[in-house]
Amino acid sequence: MPTVHPQVQKARALLSYVGYTGSVRRLAGDLPHNDKRLLEIARALALRPSILMLDGATNGGGRS
C-alpha cells in the first residue's frame, strides 16, 4: 500500500475535524453549499490561526 503524503493526511484530518463526510475527490465547485462552508473553515484552520472569527453563515450549517 502506498504511503500517504503528510499534507494529504493533514487535509483529511482537518476535513474530518470540521465534520465534512463527503468525498475528498470532488471539486470544491461541485460541493453543496454547506460542504463548501466546511471546506472554507478547514482551509482557514490549515493556516493554524491563533483566533478564527466566523459570521452567522457558519453557525452550524444546519446540523443539530
N, C-alpha and C. Protein backbone atom coordinates (compact mmCIF):
# COMPACT_ATOMS: atom_id res chain seq x y z
N MET A 1 0.84 -1.17 0.00
CA MET A 1 0.00 0.00 0.00
C MET A 1 0.90 1.24 0.00
N PRO A 2 0.62 2.22 -0.88
CA PRO A 2 1.47 3.41 -0.94
C PRO A 2 1.29 4.28 0.30
N THR A 3 2.36 4.97 0.66
CA THR A 3 2.27 5.86 1.81
C THR A 3 1.53 7.15 1.42
N VAL A 4 0.82 7.71 2.36
CA VAL A 4 0.06 8.93 2.12
C VAL A 4 0.93 10.12 2.55
N HIS A 5 1.01 11.10 1.68
CA HIS A 5 1.81 12.30 1.95
C HIS A 5 1.29 12.98 3.21
N PRO A 6 2.19 13.49 4.06
CA PRO A 6 1.77 14.14 5.30
C PRO A 6 0.77 15.28 5.09
N GLN A 7 0.90 16.03 4.01
CA GLN A 7 -0.03 17.13 3.75
C GLN A 7 -1.43 16.60 3.43
N VAL A 8 -1.50 15.46 2.77
CA VAL A 8 -2.80 14.84 2.48
C VAL A 8 -3.42 14.35 3.79
N GLN A 9 -2.60 13.77 4.65
CA GLN A 9 -3.09 13.32 5.95
C GLN A 9 -3.64 14.51 6.75
N LYS A 10 -2.92 15.63 6.73
CA LYS A 10 -3.36 16.82 7.46
C LYS A 10 -4.68 17.33 6.89
N ALA A 11 -4.79 17.38 5.57
CA ALA A 11 -6.02 17.86 4.92
C ALA A 11 -7.20 16.98 5.31
N ARG A 12 -7.02 15.69 5.26
CA ARG A 12 -8.10 14.77 5.62
C ARG A 12 -8.48 14.91 7.09
N ALA A 13 -7.48 15.11 7.94
CA ALA A 13 -7.75 15.28 9.37
C ALA A 13 -8.55 16.56 9.62
N LEU A 14 -8.20 17.64 8.92
CA LEU A 14 -8.93 18.89 9.09
C LEU A 14 -10.37 18.77 8.58
N LEU A 15 -10.54 18.10 7.46
CA LEU A 15 -11.89 17.90 6.93
C LEU A 15 -12.74 17.09 7.91
N SER A 16 -12.14 16.08 8.48
CA SER A 16 -12.85 15.28 9.47
C SER A 16 -13.17 16.12 10.71
N TYR A 17 -12.22 16.94 11.13
CA TYR A 17 -12.40 17.78 12.32
C TYR A 17 -13.58 18.73 12.18
N VAL A 18 -13.76 19.30 10.98
CA VAL A 18 -14.87 20.24 10.78
C VAL A 18 -16.18 19.54 10.48
N GLY A 19 -16.15 18.23 10.33
CA GLY A 19 -17.38 17.47 10.13
C GLY A 19 -17.71 17.13 8.69
N TYR A 20 -16.75 17.35 7.78
CA TYR A 20 -17.01 17.01 6.38
C TYR A 20 -16.93 15.49 6.20
N THR A 21 -17.99 14.92 5.67
CA THR A 21 -18.04 13.46 5.49
C THR A 21 -18.18 13.06 4.04
N GLY A 22 -18.11 14.01 3.12
CA GLY A 22 -18.27 13.71 1.70
C GLY A 22 -17.00 13.16 1.08
N SER A 23 -17.02 13.05 -0.22
CA SER A 23 -15.88 12.53 -0.96
C SER A 23 -14.77 13.58 -1.04
N VAL A 24 -13.56 13.17 -0.77
CA VAL A 24 -12.43 14.09 -0.86
C VAL A 24 -11.95 14.24 -2.31
N ARG A 25 -12.55 13.52 -3.22
CA ARG A 25 -12.16 13.60 -4.62
C ARG A 25 -13.04 14.53 -5.44
N ARG A 26 -14.02 15.17 -4.81
CA ARG A 26 -14.90 16.11 -5.53
C ARG A 26 -14.24 17.48 -5.61
N LEU A 27 -14.50 18.17 -6.70
CA LEU A 27 -14.02 19.53 -6.85
C LEU A 27 -14.81 20.45 -5.92
N ALA A 28 -14.16 21.46 -5.38
CA ALA A 28 -14.81 22.37 -4.44
C ALA A 28 -16.04 23.02 -5.08
N GLY A 29 -15.96 23.36 -6.35
CA GLY A 29 -17.08 24.00 -7.03
C GLY A 29 -18.29 23.10 -7.19
N ASP A 30 -18.10 21.79 -7.06
CA ASP A 30 -19.20 20.84 -7.21
C ASP A 30 -19.86 20.49 -5.88
N LEU A 31 -19.35 21.04 -4.79
CA LEU A 31 -19.88 20.70 -3.46
C LEU A 31 -21.16 21.47 -3.17
N PRO A 32 -22.05 20.88 -2.37
CA PRO A 32 -23.22 21.61 -1.90
C PRO A 32 -22.77 22.79 -1.02
N HIS A 33 -23.65 23.76 -0.85
CA HIS A 33 -23.33 24.99 -0.11
C HIS A 33 -22.75 24.71 1.28
N ASN A 34 -23.40 23.86 2.06
CA ASN A 34 -22.91 23.59 3.42
C ASN A 34 -21.54 22.95 3.42
N ASP A 35 -21.27 22.06 2.47
CA ASP A 35 -19.96 21.43 2.39
C ASP A 35 -18.89 22.43 1.99
N LYS A 36 -19.25 23.42 1.16
CA LYS A 36 -18.30 24.47 0.81
C LYS A 36 -17.91 25.27 2.05
N ARG A 37 -18.89 25.53 2.93
CA ARG A 37 -18.59 26.27 4.16
C ARG A 37 -17.61 25.48 5.03
N LEU A 38 -17.83 24.17 5.14
CA LEU A 38 -16.93 23.33 5.93
C LEU A 38 -15.53 23.34 5.33
N LEU A 39 -15.45 23.29 4.01
CA LEU A 39 -14.16 23.33 3.34
C LEU A 39 -13.46 24.66 3.62
N GLU A 40 -14.20 25.75 3.59
CA GLU A 40 -13.61 27.07 3.87
C GLU A 40 -13.05 27.13 5.29
N ILE A 41 -13.77 26.55 6.23
CA ILE A 41 -13.29 26.55 7.62
C ILE A 41 -12.03 25.69 7.74
N ALA A 42 -12.03 24.53 7.10
CA ALA A 42 -10.86 23.65 7.14
C ALA A 42 -9.65 24.35 6.52
N ARG A 43 -9.87 25.06 5.42
CA ARG A 43 -8.76 25.79 4.78
C ARG A 43 -8.22 26.87 5.71
N ALA A 44 -9.10 27.56 6.41
CA ALA A 44 -8.65 28.59 7.34
C ALA A 44 -7.86 27.96 8.49
N LEU A 45 -8.33 26.84 9.01
CA LEU A 45 -7.64 26.16 10.11
C LEU A 45 -6.28 25.62 9.70
N ALA A 46 -6.11 25.32 8.42
CA ALA A 46 -4.83 24.79 7.93
C ALA A 46 -3.71 25.80 8.14
N LEU A 47 -4.06 27.08 8.22
CA LEU A 47 -3.06 28.13 8.44
C LEU A 47 -2.71 28.30 9.92
N ARG A 48 -3.35 27.51 10.77
CA ARG A 48 -3.11 27.50 12.22
C ARG A 48 -3.24 28.89 12.84
N PRO A 49 -4.40 29.52 12.65
CA PRO A 49 -4.59 30.85 13.22
C PRO A 49 -4.70 30.78 14.74
N SER A 50 -4.32 31.86 15.40
CA SER A 50 -4.47 31.90 16.86
C SER A 50 -5.92 32.17 17.23
N ILE A 51 -6.67 32.78 16.31
CA ILE A 51 -8.10 33.02 16.51
C ILE A 51 -8.78 32.93 15.14
N LEU A 52 -9.99 32.42 15.13
CA LEU A 52 -10.76 32.31 13.88
C LEU A 52 -12.15 32.87 14.17
N MET A 53 -12.47 33.96 13.49
CA MET A 53 -13.76 34.60 13.70
C MET A 53 -14.71 34.20 12.58
N LEU A 54 -15.90 33.75 12.95
CA LEU A 54 -16.90 33.29 12.00
C LEU A 54 -18.13 34.16 12.09
N ASP A 55 -18.83 34.28 10.97
CA ASP A 55 -20.07 35.06 10.99
C ASP A 55 -21.27 34.11 11.08
N GLY A 56 -22.46 34.64 11.03
CA GLY A 56 -23.66 33.84 11.18
C GLY A 56 -23.84 32.77 10.12
N ALA A 57 -23.24 32.97 8.97
CA ALA A 57 -23.40 31.97 7.88
C ALA A 57 -22.66 30.67 8.20
N THR A 58 -21.84 30.67 9.22
CA THR A 58 -21.09 29.47 9.57
C THR A 58 -21.50 28.95 10.94
N ASN A 59 -22.73 29.18 11.32
CA ASN A 59 -23.17 28.84 12.67
C ASN A 59 -23.64 27.40 12.85
N GLY A 60 -23.17 26.50 12.06
CA GLY A 60 -23.51 25.10 12.26
C GLY A 60 -23.96 24.39 11.01
N GLY A 61 -24.23 25.13 9.96
CA GLY A 61 -24.58 24.51 8.70
C GLY A 61 -25.83 23.66 8.73
N GLY A 62 -26.74 23.92 9.66
CA GLY A 62 -27.97 23.17 9.70
C GLY A 62 -27.87 21.86 10.47
N ARG A 63 -26.71 21.59 11.05
CA ARG A 63 -26.55 20.38 11.84
C ARG A 63 -27.08 20.60 13.24
N SER A 64 -27.65 19.58 13.83
CA SER A 64 -28.16 19.73 15.21
C SER A 64 -27.24 19.06 16.19
